Amino acid sequence: AGDQNHNGTSDRLEYVHCGADAACQAALRPFGVFGNNTINF
């Protein structure tokens, strides 16, 4: 939650706005280096 990249839009709303752009979505995840994937913990 929040605006970690400080662009004025919450990251989760920005994630929705990414649409099907996996690279855009991965960039918003804390471990985006592993891609737009879930990491089960």
All heavy atoms as atom14 arrays in JSON, in Angstrom:
{
  "sequence": "AGDQNHNGTSDRLEYVHCGADAACQAALRPFGVFGNNTINF",
  "atom14_mask": [
    [1, 1, 1, 1, 1, 0, 0, 0, 0, 0, 0, 0, 0, 0],
    [1, 1, 1, 1, 0, 0, 0, 0, 0, 0, 0, 0, 0, 0],
    [1, 1, 1, 1, 1, 1, 1, 1, 0, 0, 0, 0, 0, 0],
    [1, 1, 1, 1, 1, 1, 1, 1, 1, 0, 0, 0, 0, 0],
    [1, 1, 1, 1, 1, 1, 1, 1, 0, 0, 0, 0, 0, 0],
    [1, 1, 1, 1, 1, 1, 1, 1, 1, 1, 0, 0, 0, 0],
    [1, 1, 1, 1, 1, 1, 1, 1, 0, 0, 0, 0, 0, 0],
    [1, 1, 1, 1, 0, 0, 0, 0, 0, 0, 0, 0, 0, 0],
    [1, 1, 1, 1, 1, 1, 1, 0, 0, 0, 0, 0, 0, 0],
    [1, 1, 1, 1, 1, 1, 0, 0, 0, 0, 0, 0, 0, 0],
    [1, 1, 1, 1, 1, 1, 1, 1, 0, 0, 0, 0, 0, 0],
    [1, 1, 1, 1, 1, 1, 1, 1, 1, 1, 1, 0, 0, 0],
    [1, 1, 1, 1, 1, 1, 1, 1, 0, 0, 0, 0, 0, 0],
    [1, 1, 1, 1, 1, 1, 1, 1, 1, 0, 0, 0, 0, 0],
    [1, 1, 1, 1, 1, 1, 1, 1, 1, 1, 1, 1, 0, 0],
    [1, 1, 1, 1, 1, 1, 1, 0, 0, 0, 0, 0, 0, 0],
    [1, 1, 1, 1, 1, 1, 1, 1, 1, 1, 0, 0, 0, 0],
    [1, 1, 1, 1, 1, 1, 0, 0, 0, 0, 0, 0, 0, 0],
    [1, 1, 1, 1, 0, 0, 0, 0, 0, 0, 0, 0, 0, 0],
    [1, 1, 1, 1, 1, 0, 0, 0, 0, 0, 0, 0, 0, 0],
    [1, 1, 1, 1, 1, 1, 1, 1, 0, 0, 0, 0, 0, 0],
    [1, 1, 1, 1, 1, 0, 0, 0, 0, 0, 0, 0, 0, 0],
    [1, 1, 1, 1, 1, 0, 0, 0, 0, 0, 0, 0, 0, 0],
    [1, 1, 1, 1, 1, 1, 0, 0, 0, 0, 0, 0, 0, 0],
    [1, 1, 1, 1, 1, 1, 1, 1, 1, 0, 0, 0, 0, 0],
    [1, 1, 1, 1, 1, 0, 0, 0, 0, 0, 0, 0, 0, 0],
    [1, 1, 1, 1, 1, 0, 0, 0, 0, 0, 0, 0, 0, 0],
    [1, 1, 1, 1, 1, 1, 1, 1, 0, 0, 0, 0, 0, 0],
    [1, 1, 1, 1, 1, 1, 1, 1, 1, 1, 1, 0, 0, 0],
    [1, 1, 1, 1, 1, 1, 1, 0, 0, 0, 0, 0, 0, 0],
    [1, 1, 1, 1, 1, 1, 1, 1, 1, 1, 1, 0, 0, 0],
    [1, 1, 1, 1, 0, 0, 0, 0, 0, 0, 0, 0, 0, 0],
    [1, 1, 1, 1, 1, 1, 1, 0, 0, 0, 0, 0, 0, 0],
    [1, 1, 1, 1, 1, 1, 1, 1, 1, 1, 1, 0, 0, 0],
    [1, 1, 1, 1, 0, 0, 0, 0, 0, 0, 0, 0, 0, 0],
    [1, 1, 1, 1, 1, 1, 1, 1, 0, 0, 0, 0, 0, 0],
    [1, 1, 1, 1, 1, 1, 1, 1, 0, 0, 0, 0, 0, 0],
    [1, 1, 1, 1, 1, 1, 1, 0, 0, 0, 0, 0, 0, 0],
    [1, 1, 1, 1, 1, 1, 1, 1, 0, 0, 0, 0, 0, 0],
    [1, 1, 1, 1, 1, 1, 1, 1, 0, 0, 0, 0, 0, 0],
    [1, 1, 1, 1, 1, 1, 1, 1, 1, 1, 1, 0, 0, 0]
  ],
  "atom14_positions": [
    [[0.85, -1.19, 0.0], [0.0, 0.0, 0.0], [0.89, 1.24, 0.0], [2.05, 1.2, 0.37], [-0.91, -0.01, 1.22], [0.0, 0.0, 0.0], [0.0, 0.0, 0.0], [0.0, 0.0, 0.0], [0.0, 0.0, 0.0], [0.0, 0.0, 0.0], [0.0, 0.0, 0.0], [0.0, 0.0, 0.0], [0.0, 0.0, 0.0], [0.0, 0.0, 0.0]],
    [[0.32, 2.36, -0.39], [1.07, 3.61, -0.4], [1.68, 3.91, -1.76], [1.45, 3.2, -2.74], [0.0, 0.0, 0.0], [0.0, 0.0, 0.0], [0.0, 0.0, 0.0], [0.0, 0.0, 0.0], [0.0, 0.0, 0.0], [0.0, 0.0, 0.0], [0.0, 0.0, 0.0], [0.0, 0.0, 0.0], [0.0, 0.0, 0.0], [0.0, 0.0, 0.0]],
    [[2.44, 4.95, -1.8], [3.07, 5.42, -3.03], [4.58, 5.33, -2.85], [5.25, 6.32, -2.57], [2.62, 6.86, -3.32], [3.21, 7.41, -4.61], [3.75, 6.62, -5.41], [3.14, 8.65, -4.82], [0.0, 0.0, 0.0], [0.0, 0.0, 0.0], [0.0, 0.0, 0.0], [0.0, 0.0, 0.0], [0.0, 0.0, 0.0], [0.0, 0.0, 0.0]],
    [[5.11, 4.12, -3.02], [6.52, 3.89, -2.77], [7.43, 4.57, -3.78], [8.57, 4.91, -3.48], [6.82, 2.37, -2.78], [5.91, 1.55, -1.89], [5.98, 1.94, -0.43], [7.05, 2.21, 0.09], [4.82, 1.98, 0.25], [0.0, 0.0, 0.0], [0.0, 0.0, 0.0], [0.0, 0.0, 0.0], [0.0, 0.0, 0.0], [0.0, 0.0, 0.0]],
    [[6.93, 4.76, -5.01], [7.77, 5.4, -6.04], [7.51, 6.91, -6.13], [8.05, 7.58, -7.01], [7.57, 4.73, -7.4], [6.12, 4.72, -7.85], [5.27, 5.41, -7.25], [5.82, 3.95, -8.88], [0.0, 0.0, 0.0], [0.0, 0.0, 0.0], [0.0, 0.0, 0.0], [0.0, 0.0, 0.0], [0.0, 0.0, 0.0], [0.0, 0.0, 0.0]],
    [[6.64, 7.42, -5.25], [6.42, 8.87, -5.11], [6.07, 9.57, -6.43], [6.61, 10.62, -6.75], [7.68, 9.53, -4.51], [8.15, 8.9, -3.25], [7.46, 8.98, -2.06], [9.26, 8.13, -3.0], [8.12, 8.31, -1.11], [9.21, 7.78, -1.66], [0.0, 0.0, 0.0], [0.0, 0.0, 0.0], [0.0, 0.0, 0.0], [0.0, 0.0, 0.0]],
    [[5.15, 8.95, -7.16], [4.72, 9.59, -8.41], [3.32, 10.18, -8.31], [2.73, 10.59, -9.31], [4.8, 8.61, -9.58], [3.83, 7.44, -9.44], [3.16, 7.3, -8.4], [3.77, 6.6, -10.47], [0.0, 0.0, 0.0], [0.0, 0.0, 0.0], [0.0, 0.0, 0.0], [0.0, 0.0, 0.0], [0.0, 0.0, 0.0], [0.0, 0.0, 0.0]],
    [[2.76, 10.19, -7.1], [1.46, 10.8, -6.89], [0.29, 9.86, -7.03], [-0.86, 10.25, -6.77], [0.0, 0.0, 0.0], [0.0, 0.0, 0.0], [0.0, 0.0, 0.0], [0.0, 0.0, 0.0], [0.0, 0.0, 0.0], [0.0, 0.0, 0.0], [0.0, 0.0, 0.0], [0.0, 0.0, 0.0], [0.0, 0.0, 0.0], [0.0, 0.0, 0.0]],
    [[0.51, 8.61, -7.42], [-0.54, 7.6, -7.55], [-0.18, 6.4, -6.68], [0.98, 5.96, -6.7], [-0.7, 7.14, -9.01], [-1.0, 8.27, -9.83], [-1.82, 6.12, -9.15], [0.0, 0.0, 0.0], [0.0, 0.0, 0.0], [0.0, 0.0, 0.0], [0.0, 0.0, 0.0], [0.0, 0.0, 0.0], [0.0, 0.0, 0.0], [0.0, 0.0, 0.0]],
    [[-1.15, 5.89, -5.92], [-0.85, 4.73, -5.08], [-0.38, 3.57, -5.95], [-0.85, 3.38, -7.08], [-2.08, 4.31, -4.28], [-3.06, 3.72, -5.12], [0.0, 0.0, 0.0], [0.0, 0.0, 0.0], [0.0, 0.0, 0.0], [0.0, 0.0, 0.0], [0.0, 0.0, 0.0], [0.0, 0.0, 0.0], [0.0, 0.0, 0.0], [0.0, 0.0, 0.0]],
    [[0.57, 2.8, -5.43], [1.16, 1.73, -6.22], [0.13, 0.68, -6.64], [0.22, 0.12, -7.73], [2.28, 1.06, -5.43], [3.49, 1.96, -5.28], [3.5, 3.04, -5.91], [4.42, 1.6, -4.54], [0.0, 0.0, 0.0], [0.0, 0.0, 0.0], [0.0, 0.0, 0.0], [0.0, 0.0, 0.0], [0.0, 0.0, 0.0], [0.0, 0.0, 0.0]],
    [[-0.84, 0.43, -5.77], [-1.84, -0.59, -6.11], [-2.77, -0.12, -7.23], [-3.15, -0.9, -8.1], [-2.64, -0.99, -4.86], [-1.79, -1.8, -3.89], [-2.53, -2.17, -2.62], [-1.71, -3.02, -1.77], [-2.04, -3.44, -0.56], [-3.22, -3.06, -0.04], [-1.23, -4.21, 0.14], [0.0, 0.0, 0.0], [0.0, 0.0, 0.0], [0.0, 0.0, 0.0]],
    [[-3.15, 1.13, -7.21], [-3.93, 1.66, -8.32], [-3.09, 1.69, -9.59], [-3.57, 1.38, -10.68], [-4.44, 3.06, -7.99], [-5.26, 3.75, -9.08], [-6.48, 2.91, -9.45], [-5.68, 5.14, -8.63], [0.0, 0.0, 0.0], [0.0, 0.0, 0.0], [0.0, 0.0, 0.0], [0.0, 0.0, 0.0], [0.0, 0.0, 0.0], [0.0, 0.0, 0.0]],
    [[-1.84, 2.03, -9.44], [-0.94, 2.03, -10.59], [-0.79, 0.62, -11.16], [-0.71, 0.44, -12.37], [0.43, 2.58, -10.16], [1.36, 2.91, -11.31], [2.63, 3.6, -10.85], [2.7, 4.03, -9.69], [3.56, 3.68, -11.68], [0.0, 0.0, 0.0], [0.0, 0.0, 0.0], [0.0, 0.0, 0.0], [0.0, 0.0, 0.0], [0.0, 0.0, 0.0]],
    [[-0.76, -0.38, -10.27], [-0.68, -1.77, -10.72], [-1.88, -2.11, -11.59], [-1.76, -2.77, -12.62], [-0.62, -2.69, -9.5], [-0.41, -4.16, -9.83], [0.86, -4.7, -9.9], [-1.5, -5.0, -10.05], [1.05, -6.04, -10.19], [-1.33, -6.34, -10.34], [-0.05, -6.86, -10.41], [0.13, -8.18, -10.71], [0.0, 0.0, 0.0], [0.0, 0.0, 0.0]],
    [[-3.08, -1.68, -11.15], [-4.29, -1.91, -11.96], [-4.15, -1.21, -13.3], [-4.5, -1.77, -14.36], [-5.54, -1.4, -11.22], [-6.77, -1.5, -12.11], [-5.77, -2.19, -9.93], [0.0, 0.0, 0.0], [0.0, 0.0, 0.0], [0.0, 0.0, 0.0], [0.0, 0.0, 0.0], [0.0, 0.0, 0.0], [0.0, 0.0, 0.0], [0.0, 0.0, 0.0]],
    [[-3.62, 0.0, -13.31], [-3.47, 0.77, -14.55], [-2.44, 0.17, -15.5], [-2.43, 0.51, -16.67], [-3.1, 2.21, -14.22], [-4.23, 2.99, -13.61], [-4.07, 4.26, -13.09], [-5.53, 2.68, -13.41], [-5.23, 4.7, -12.63], [-6.13, 3.74, -12.8], [0.0, 0.0, 0.0], [0.0, 0.0, 0.0], [0.0, 0.0, 0.0], [0.0, 0.0, 0.0]],
    [[-1.59, -0.72, -14.97], [-0.6, -1.35, -15.85], [-1.26, -2.26, -16.88], [-0.65, -2.6, -17.9], [0.39, -2.18, -15.02], [1.61, -1.2, -14.12], [0.0, 0.0, 0.0], [0.0, 0.0, 0.0], [0.0, 0.0, 0.0], [0.0, 0.0, 0.0], [0.0, 0.0, 0.0], [0.0, 0.0, 0.0], [0.0, 0.0, 0.0], [0.0, 0.0, 0.0]],
    [[-2.51, -2.68, -16.59], [-3.19, -3.58, -17.52], [-2.48, -4.92, -17.6], [-2.2, -5.54, -16.57], [0.0, 0.0, 0.0], [0.0, 0.0, 0.0], [0.0, 0.0, 0.0], [0.0, 0.0, 0.0], [0.0, 0.0, 0.0], [0.0, 0.0, 0.0], [0.0, 0.0, 0.0], [0.0, 0.0, 0.0], [0.0, 0.0, 0.0], [0.0, 0.0, 0.0]],
    [[-2.13, -5.33, -18.8], [-1.46, -6.61, -19.0], [0.05, -6.44, -19.17], [0.73, -7.37, -19.63], [-2.05, -7.33, -20.21], [0.0, 0.0, 0.0], [0.0, 0.0, 0.0], [0.0, 0.0, 0.0], [0.0, 0.0, 0.0], [0.0, 0.0, 0.0], [0.0, 0.0, 0.0], [0.0, 0.0, 0.0], [0.0, 0.0, 0.0], [0.0, 0.0, 0.0]],
    [[0.6, -5.28, -18.82], [2.02, -5.02, -18.96], [2.76, -5.61, -17.77], [2.83, -5.01, -16.69], [2.26, -3.5, -19.04], [3.7, -3.15, -19.36], [4.58, -4.01, -19.17], [3.95, -2.0, -19.8], [0.0, 0.0, 0.0], [0.0, 0.0, 0.0], [0.0, 0.0, 0.0], [0.0, 0.0, 0.0], [0.0, 0.0, 0.0], [0.0, 0.0, 0.0]],
    [[3.31, -6.83, -17.94], [3.95, -7.55, -16.84], [5.16, -6.8, -16.3], [5.42, -6.83, -15.09], [4.34, -8.94, -17.29], [0.0, 0.0, 0.0], [0.0, 0.0, 0.0], [0.0, 0.0, 0.0], [0.0, 0.0, 0.0], [0.0, 0.0, 0.0], [0.0, 0.0, 0.0], [0.0, 0.0, 0.0], [0.0, 0.0, 0.0], [0.0, 0.0, 0.0]],
    [[5.91, -6.13, -17.15], [7.09, -5.4, -16.7], [6.69, -4.22, -15.82], [7.32, -3.94, -14.79], [7.91, -4.92, -17.89], [0.0, 0.0, 0.0], [0.0, 0.0, 0.0], [0.0, 0.0, 0.0], [0.0, 0.0, 0.0], [0.0, 0.0, 0.0], [0.0, 0.0, 0.0], [0.0, 0.0, 0.0], [0.0, 0.0, 0.0], [0.0, 0.0, 0.0]],
    [[5.61, -3.55, -16.2], [5.08, -2.43, -15.41], [4.62, -2.93, -14.04], [4.9, -2.29, -13.01], [3.93, -1.78, -16.17], [3.01, -0.53, -15.23], [0.0, 0.0, 0.0], [0.0, 0.0, 0.0], [0.0, 0.0, 0.0], [0.0, 0.0, 0.0], [0.0, 0.0, 0.0], [0.0, 0.0, 0.0], [0.0, 0.0, 0.0], [0.0, 0.0, 0.0]],
    [[3.96, -4.08, -14.02], [3.48, -4.64, -12.76], [4.62, -5.11, -11.88], [4.62, -4.9, -10.67], [2.51, -5.78, -13.05], [1.21, -5.31, -13.71], [0.34, -6.46, -14.17], [0.84, -7.5, -14.61], [-0.97, -6.29, -14.08], [0.0, 0.0, 0.0], [0.0, 0.0, 0.0], [0.0, 0.0, 0.0], [0.0, 0.0, 0.0], [0.0, 0.0, 0.0]],
    [[5.62, -5.79, -12.49], [6.75, -6.3, -11.72], [7.51, -5.17, -11.03], [8.01, -5.32, -9.91], [7.68, -7.09, -12.63], [0.0, 0.0, 0.0], [0.0, 0.0, 0.0], [0.0, 0.0, 0.0], [0.0, 0.0, 0.0], [0.0, 0.0, 0.0], [0.0, 0.0, 0.0], [0.0, 0.0, 0.0], [0.0, 0.0, 0.0], [0.0, 0.0, 0.0]],
    [[7.58, -4.02, -11.68], [8.33, -2.89, -11.13], [7.7, -2.37, -9.84], [8.37, -1.7, -9.04], [8.41, -1.77, -12.16], [0.0, 0.0, 0.0], [0.0, 0.0, 0.0], [0.0, 0.0, 0.0], [0.0, 0.0, 0.0], [0.0, 0.0, 0.0], [0.0, 0.0, 0.0], [0.0, 0.0, 0.0], [0.0, 0.0, 0.0], [0.0, 0.0, 0.0]],
    [[6.43, -2.69, -9.61], [5.73, -2.22, -8.42], [5.79, -3.21, -7.27], [5.37, -2.9, -6.15], [4.27, -1.91, -8.76], [4.07, -0.78, -9.78], [2.64, -0.8, -10.31], [4.39, 0.56, -9.14], [0.0, 0.0, 0.0], [0.0, 0.0, 0.0], [0.0, 0.0, 0.0], [0.0, 0.0, 0.0], [0.0, 0.0, 0.0], [0.0, 0.0, 0.0]],
    [[6.31, -4.38, -7.52], [6.42, -5.4, -6.48], [7.74, -5.25, -5.73], [8.75, -4.82, -6.31], [6.33, -6.81, -7.08], [4.93, -7.18, -7.61], [4.95, -8.59, -8.15], [3.67, -9.05, -8.67], [2.76, -9.72, -7.97], [2.98, -9.98, -6.69], [1.65, -10.13, -8.54], [0.0, 0.0, 0.0], [0.0, 0.0, 0.0], [0.0, 0.0, 0.0]],
    [[7.78, -5.62, -4.45], [9.03, -5.47, -3.68], [10.16, -6.35, -4.19], [11.34, -6.01, -4.02], [8.62, -5.84, -2.25], [7.33, -6.6, -2.38], [6.66, -6.06, -3.61], [0.0, 0.0, 0.0], [0.0, 0.0, 0.0], [0.0, 0.0, 0.0], [0.0, 0.0, 0.0], [0.0, 0.0, 0.0], [0.0, 0.0, 0.0], [0.0, 0.0, 0.0]],
    [[9.82, -7.5, -4.79], [10.84, -8.37, -5.35], [10.58, -8.54, -6.84], [10.51, -9.66, -7.36], [10.83, -9.73, -4.63], [11.01, -9.62, -3.14], [9.94, -9.77, -2.29], [12.26, -9.34, -2.6], [10.09, -9.66, -0.91], [12.43, -9.23, -1.23], [11.34, -9.38, -0.39], [0.0, 0.0, 0.0], [0.0, 0.0, 0.0], [0.0, 0.0, 0.0]],
    [[10.43, -7.41, -7.51], [10.12, -7.41, -8.93], [11.2, -8.01, -9.79], [10.95, -8.35, -10.96], [0.0, 0.0, 0.0], [0.0, 0.0, 0.0], [0.0, 0.0, 0.0], [0.0, 0.0, 0.0], [0.0, 0.0, 0.0], [0.0, 0.0, 0.0], [0.0, 0.0, 0.0], [0.0, 0.0, 0.0], [0.0, 0.0, 0.0], [0.0, 0.0, 0.0]],
    [[12.4, -8.18, -9.22], [13.47, -8.8, -9.99], [13.1, -10.22, -10.4], [13.62, -10.77, -11.38], [14.79, -8.8, -9.15], [14.65, -9.68, -7.93], [15.97, -9.23, -10.01], [0.0, 0.0, 0.0], [0.0, 0.0, 0.0], [0.0, 0.0, 0.0], [0.0, 0.0, 0.0], [0.0, 0.0, 0.0], [0.0, 0.0, 0.0], [0.0, 0.0, 0.0]],
    [[12.16, -10.84, -9.64], [11.68, -12.19, -9.99], [10.47, -12.14, -10.91], [9.82, -13.16, -11.15], [11.33, -12.96, -8.72], [12.5, -13.19, -7.81], [12.62, -12.52, -6.61], [13.51, -14.08, -8.18], [13.71, -12.74, -5.78], [14.6, -14.3, -7.34], [14.7, -13.62, -6.14], [0.0, 0.0, 0.0], [0.0, 0.0, 0.0], [0.0, 0.0, 0.0]],
    [[10.14, -10.95, -11.38], [9.02, -10.81, -12.31], [7.7, -10.54, -11.59], [7.65, -10.39, -10.37], [0.0, 0.0, 0.0], [0.0, 0.0, 0.0], [0.0, 0.0, 0.0], [0.0, 0.0, 0.0], [0.0, 0.0, 0.0], [0.0, 0.0, 0.0], [0.0, 0.0, 0.0], [0.0, 0.0, 0.0], [0.0, 0.0, 0.0], [0.0, 0.0, 0.0]],
    [[6.65, -10.5, -12.38], [5.31, -10.25, -11.84], [4.73, -11.56, -11.32], [3.78, -12.1, -11.89], [4.42, -9.63, -12.93], [3.04, -9.3, -12.42], [2.86, -8.86, -11.29], [2.03, -9.55, -13.26], [0.0, 0.0, 0.0], [0.0, 0.0, 0.0], [0.0, 0.0, 0.0], [0.0, 0.0, 0.0], [0.0, 0.0, 0.0], [0.0, 0.0, 0.0]],
    [[5.3, -12.07, -10.26], [4.92, -13.38, -9.72], [4.69, -13.3, -8.22], [5.29, -12.47, -7.53], [6.01, -14.42, -10.01], [6.25, -14.61, -11.49], [5.33, -14.93, -12.24], [7.49, -14.41, -11.92], [0.0, 0.0, 0.0], [0.0, 0.0, 0.0], [0.0, 0.0, 0.0], [0.0, 0.0, 0.0], [0.0, 0.0, 0.0], [0.0, 0.0, 0.0]],
    [[3.82, -14.18, -7.74], [3.64, -14.3, -6.29], [4.77, -15.12, -5.7], [5.33, -16.01, -6.35], [2.3, -14.98, -5.96], [2.28, -16.29, -6.54], [1.13, -14.17, -6.5], [0.0, 0.0, 0.0], [0.0, 0.0, 0.0], [0.0, 0.0, 0.0], [0.0, 0.0, 0.0], [0.0, 0.0, 0.0], [0.0, 0.0, 0.0], [0.0, 0.0, 0.0]],
    [[5.14, -14.8, -4.48], [6.14, -15.58, -3.73], [5.46, -16.02, -2.45], [5.21, -15.23, -1.54], [7.39, -14.74, -3.42], [8.04, -14.27, -4.73], [8.38, -15.56, -2.6], [9.26, -13.38, -4.52], [0.0, 0.0, 0.0], [0.0, 0.0, 0.0], [0.0, 0.0, 0.0], [0.0, 0.0, 0.0], [0.0, 0.0, 0.0], [0.0, 0.0, 0.0]],
    [[5.16, -17.3, -2.4], [4.43, -17.85, -1.25], [5.35, -17.95, -0.03], [6.47, -18.44, -0.12], [3.89, -19.24, -1.62], [2.9, -19.76, -0.6], [2.42, -19.02, 0.24], [2.59, -21.04, -0.67], [0.0, 0.0, 0.0], [0.0, 0.0, 0.0], [0.0, 0.0, 0.0], [0.0, 0.0, 0.0], [0.0, 0.0, 0.0], [0.0, 0.0, 0.0]],
    [[4.83, -17.46, 1.09], [5.62, -17.47, 2.33], [4.71, -17.93, 3.46], [3.54, -17.59, 3.51], [6.15, -16.05, 2.61], [7.19, -15.99, 3.68], [8.51, -16.32, 3.42], [6.86, -15.59, 4.97], [9.48, -16.26, 4.42], [7.82, -15.53, 5.97], [9.13, -15.86, 5.7], [0.0, 0.0, 0.0], [0.0, 0.0, 0.0], [0.0, 0.0, 0.0]]
  ]
}
